Protein backbone atom coordinates (compact mmCIF):
# COMPACT_ATOMS: atom_id res chain seq x y z
CA MET A 1 88.10 112.93 28.44
CA ALA A 2 84.47 113.94 28.07
CA GLY A 3 83.43 110.92 30.12
CA HIS A 4 85.97 111.72 32.82
CA SER A 5 84.84 115.35 32.99
CA HIS A 6 81.20 114.26 33.17
CA TRP A 7 81.95 111.93 36.12
CA ALA A 8 83.97 114.62 37.88
CA GLY A 9 80.97 116.94 37.61
CA ILE A 10 78.57 114.34 39.00
CA LYS A 11 80.97 113.44 41.81
CA HIS A 12 81.35 117.10 42.70
CA LYS A 13 77.55 117.58 42.71
CA LYS A 14 77.00 114.44 44.80
CA GLY A 15 79.66 115.52 47.29
CA LYS A 16 78.02 118.92 47.55
CA ALA A 17 74.58 117.34 48.03
CA ASP A 18 75.92 115.06 50.79
CA LYS A 19 77.59 118.03 52.45
CA GLN A 20 74.37 120.07 52.29
CA ARG A 21 72.39 117.16 53.72
CA SER A 22 74.84 116.86 56.62
CA LYS A 23 74.64 120.62 57.21
CA ILE A 24 70.82 120.55 57.20
CA PHE A 25 70.78 117.66 59.70
CA SER A 26 73.22 119.57 61.93
CA LYS A 27 71.02 122.70 61.96
CA LEU A 28 67.84 120.67 62.58
CA SER A 29 69.52 118.74 65.42
CA LYS A 30 70.58 121.98 67.08
CA GLU A 31 67.03 123.36 66.91
CA ILE A 32 65.61 120.11 68.39
CA THR A 33 68.15 120.19 71.24
CA VAL A 34 67.44 123.85 72.07
CA ALA A 35 63.65 123.38 71.84
CA ALA A 36 63.84 120.37 74.19
CA LYS A 37 66.12 122.26 76.57
CA LEU A 38 63.86 125.33 76.78
CA GLY A 39 60.60 123.41 77.19
CA ASP A 40 59.07 119.99 77.79
CA LYS A 41 60.83 116.99 76.24
CA ASP A 42 57.43 115.63 75.21
CA PRO A 43 56.62 117.03 71.73
CA ALA A 44 52.89 116.95 72.55
CA MET A 45 53.51 119.51 75.31
CA ASN A 46 56.12 121.58 73.43
CA PRO A 47 54.99 123.19 70.12
CA ARG A 48 58.50 124.37 69.19
CA LEU A 49 59.92 120.87 69.69
CA ARG A 50 57.01 119.28 67.82
CA SER A 51 57.60 121.60 64.85
CA ALA A 52 61.36 120.94 64.91
CA ILE A 53 60.79 117.16 64.87
CA GLN A 54 58.28 117.46 62.02
CA ALA A 55 60.80 119.49 60.00
CA ALA A 56 63.47 116.85 60.69
CA ARG A 57 61.16 114.07 59.49
CA SER A 58 60.34 116.05 56.33
CA ALA A 59 64.11 116.22 55.66
CA ASN A 60 64.30 112.41 56.13
CA MET A 61 66.46 112.66 59.23
CA PRO A 62 66.80 109.20 60.84
CA LYS A 63 64.81 108.58 64.04
CA ASP A 64 68.06 107.85 65.95
CA ASN A 65 69.40 111.32 65.10
CA ILE A 66 66.19 112.94 66.38
CA GLU A 67 66.30 110.98 69.64
CA ARG A 68 69.99 111.80 70.12
CA ALA A 69 69.27 115.51 69.64
CA ILE A 70 66.53 115.38 72.32
CA ASP A 71 68.81 113.45 74.72
CA LYS A 72 71.54 116.02 74.17
CA SER A 73 69.35 118.64 75.86
CA SER A 74 69.93 116.88 79.20
CA ILE A 75 73.70 116.77 78.68
CA ASN A 76 75.85 119.93 78.37
CA ILE A 77 73.37 121.83 80.52
CA GLU A 78 75.98 124.55 81.06
CA VAL A 79 76.03 125.34 77.30
CA ASN A 80 73.43 127.95 76.43
CA PHE A 81 72.45 128.78 72.87
CA GLU A 82 71.08 132.20 71.91
CA ASN A 83 68.89 133.13 68.97
CA LEU A 84 70.61 136.18 67.44
CA ARG A 85 69.67 138.14 64.32
CA TYR A 86 72.04 140.03 62.02
CA GLU A 87 70.99 142.47 59.32
CA GLY A 88 72.80 144.12 56.47
CA PHE A 89 73.14 144.57 52.74
CA GLY A 90 74.83 142.21 50.32
CA PRO A 91 75.94 142.65 46.71
CA ASP A 92 73.57 144.78 44.57
CA LYS A 93 72.31 146.45 47.80
CA VAL A 94 70.13 143.41 48.53
CA ALA A 95 68.63 143.51 52.05
CA VAL A 96 69.60 140.43 54.09
CA ILE A 97 68.48 139.02 57.44
CA VAL A 98 70.55 136.23 59.02
CA GLU A 99 69.15 134.23 61.93
CA THR A 100 71.63 132.32 64.08
CA LEU A 101 71.63 129.92 67.01
CA THR A 102 74.95 130.25 68.79
CA ASP A 103 76.80 129.51 72.01
CA ASN A 104 79.43 132.18 71.25
CA LYS A 105 78.09 135.49 69.92
CA ASN A 106 81.55 137.04 69.44
CA ARG A 107 82.60 134.20 67.14
CA THR A 108 79.33 134.37 65.21
CA ALA A 109 79.35 138.16 64.80
CA SER A 110 82.93 138.10 63.54
CA SER A 111 82.19 135.31 61.03
CA ILE A 112 79.04 136.95 59.67
CA ARG A 113 80.75 140.33 59.34
CA THR A 114 83.64 138.76 57.41
CA ILE A 115 81.27 137.00 54.97
CA PHE A 116 79.43 140.28 54.28
CA GLN A 117 82.69 142.20 53.76
CA LYS A 118 84.21 139.59 51.42
CA ALA A 119 81.11 139.79 49.21
CA GLY A 120 81.32 143.59 49.07
CA GLY A 121 78.37 144.01 51.41
CA SER A 122 78.08 145.50 54.87
CA LEU A 123 76.60 144.42 58.19
CA GLY A 124 74.25 146.98 59.72
CA THR A 125 72.42 147.48 63.00
CA LEU A 126 69.17 145.73 63.97
CA GLY A 127 66.36 147.31 61.96
CA SER A 128 68.63 148.45 59.10
CA ALA A 129 67.30 145.74 56.75
CA SER A 130 64.22 144.31 58.49
CA HIS A 131 62.02 147.31 57.62
CA ASN A 132 62.06 145.86 54.07
CA PHE A 133 60.24 142.71 55.34
CA ASN A 134 57.10 141.51 57.08
CA GLN A 135 57.55 138.86 59.78
CA LEU A 136 54.92 136.14 59.43
CA GLY A 137 54.13 132.66 60.67
CA ILE A 138 54.60 130.26 57.74
CA ILE A 139 53.33 126.66 57.76
CA LYS A 140 54.21 124.45 54.79
CA ILE A 141 52.38 121.23 53.90
CA ASP A 142 53.19 118.79 51.09
CA LYS A 143 50.74 118.91 48.17
CA LYS A 144 50.18 115.14 48.49
CA GLU A 145 48.61 115.60 51.93
CA ILE A 146 45.52 117.59 50.92
CA SER A 147 43.86 119.30 47.94
CA ASP A 148 44.07 123.05 47.23
CA GLU A 149 40.37 123.58 48.01
CA ASP A 150 40.40 121.62 51.28
CA ILE A 151 43.55 123.25 52.67
CA PHE A 152 42.25 126.72 51.83
CA GLU A 153 39.04 126.03 53.76
CA LEU A 154 40.93 124.51 56.73
CA ALA A 155 43.43 127.38 56.83
CA ILE A 156 40.72 130.06 56.96
CA GLU A 157 38.82 128.13 59.68
CA ALA A 158 42.08 127.82 61.68
CA GLY A 159 42.56 131.60 61.65
CA ALA A 160 45.18 131.99 58.90
CA ASN A 161 45.45 135.18 56.82
CA GLU A 162 46.51 133.57 53.55
CA CYS A 163 46.89 130.18 51.87
CA ILE A 164 49.02 129.90 48.72
CA SER A 165 49.42 126.64 46.82
CA ASN A 166 52.15 125.89 44.27
CA ASN A 167 53.25 122.68 42.51
CA ILE A 168 55.15 121.33 45.54
CA PHE A 169 53.52 122.56 48.75
CA HIS A 170 50.76 124.62 50.38
CA GLU A 171 51.98 127.70 52.25
CA ILE A 172 49.79 129.02 55.05
CA GLN A 173 50.51 132.52 56.36
CA CYS A 174 49.36 133.88 59.72
CA PRO A 175 50.37 136.45 62.37
CA VAL A 176 53.51 135.43 64.29
CA ASN A 177 51.72 135.17 67.64
CA GLU A 178 49.04 132.89 66.12
CA ILE A 179 51.31 130.33 64.47
CA TYR A 180 51.03 127.56 67.07
CA HIS A 181 47.28 128.08 67.47
CA VAL A 182 46.76 127.77 63.69
CA LYS A 183 49.10 124.75 63.58
CA ARG A 184 47.21 123.02 66.41
CA GLU A 185 43.93 123.48 64.53
CA LEU A 186 45.44 122.08 61.32
CA GLU A 187 46.82 119.06 63.21
CA ASN A 188 43.25 117.84 63.70
CA ASN A 189 43.20 117.00 59.97
CA ILE A 190 46.85 116.85 58.92
CA SER A 191 49.69 114.80 60.44
CA ASN A 192 52.65 115.58 58.15
CA PHE A 193 54.09 119.09 57.88
CA ILE A 194 57.16 120.23 55.92
CA SER A 195 57.94 123.09 58.29
CA THR A 196 56.50 125.56 60.79
CA GLU A 197 58.61 128.72 60.85
CA ILE A 198 58.51 132.40 61.63
CA GLU A 199 59.86 133.88 58.40
CA TRP A 200 60.76 137.27 56.98
CA ILE A 201 58.79 137.94 53.78
CA PRO A 202 60.10 140.83 51.60
CA LEU A 203 57.75 143.77 51.01
CA ASN A 204 59.54 144.71 47.77
CA SER A 205 62.06 142.76 45.71
CA VAL A 206 65.39 144.00 44.37
CA LYS A 207 66.09 142.73 40.85
CA VAL A 208 69.54 141.17 40.50
CA SER A 209 71.08 141.29 37.04
CA LYS A 210 72.17 138.01 35.46
CA ASP A 211 75.82 139.14 35.60
CA ASN A 212 75.67 139.37 39.40
CA ASN A 213 73.72 136.13 40.04
CA GLU A 214 76.78 134.01 40.77
CA ASN A 215 78.31 136.54 43.17
CA LEU A 216 75.10 136.74 45.19
CA ILE A 217 74.54 132.97 45.21
CA ASN A 218 78.10 132.45 46.50
CA PHE A 219 77.41 135.01 49.23
CA PHE A 220 74.21 133.22 50.33
CA GLU A 221 75.97 129.83 50.25
CA SER A 222 78.80 131.16 52.42
CA LEU A 223 76.26 132.33 54.99
CA GLU A 224 74.30 129.07 54.94
CA GLU A 225 77.46 126.98 55.29
CA ASN A 226 78.28 128.70 58.60
CA ASP A 227 77.49 126.31 61.47
CA ASP A 228 75.80 129.01 63.57
CA VAL A 229 73.44 130.17 60.80
CA GLN A 230 69.92 128.72 60.86
CA ASN A 231 68.12 130.86 58.25
CA VAL A 232 68.95 133.48 55.61
CA TYR A 233 66.32 135.80 54.13
CA SER A 234 66.73 138.39 51.38
CA ASN A 235 64.65 140.54 49.04
CA ALA A 236 66.68 139.47 45.98
CA LYS A 237 64.81 138.59 42.80
CA PHE A 238 66.99 136.79 40.28
CA ILE A 239 66.52 137.64 36.62
CA ASN A 240 67.30 134.82 34.18
């Protein structure tokens, strides 16, 4: 029975990983389609599209999927997606920002509100949670691409405010309105980027007790599994 249980656990994990991969591809495809629809279909002329394609490649999305997503921007021209932000507080009074890309804001608002309520949280008005965060341009580059010293020097020359390196990637921080300028400068020396995003960075963290970890993780997973949700940010700090 131990062997059977072990296999069931692996199968469950693999199924979940496959599902997450599919969900990530779906979100990346939507961003590529919208970026291509709003601007030039040539990535060289469209920074948002170029960044979306680079993120898709970093996630190992097949080339065919990327091309299909770009082509889709010429079809369904009557369907318009909106970038909408929702703010509120989850379990343990954790501040949460949810960014969505939706073609039906009533459906999205209803879904997000339900997820917050089921977790014992509450959806607030715009500004209710975001004052706990700084909005910054964040560019991530794989550690294998460049050394800590070299990326720090390049980032400062490109006009970035901060460059933080960990074991997996370099994170370059800059003002929101400078992100594509900084990225363009970096592209002179670097060709592969993990992501180029405008992110919400918490000013102060809220410590979450070990007893409440699972509840909060389930809440975040429910948000991320929603098809309209692109990004979820919080000021939660998990205590092991």
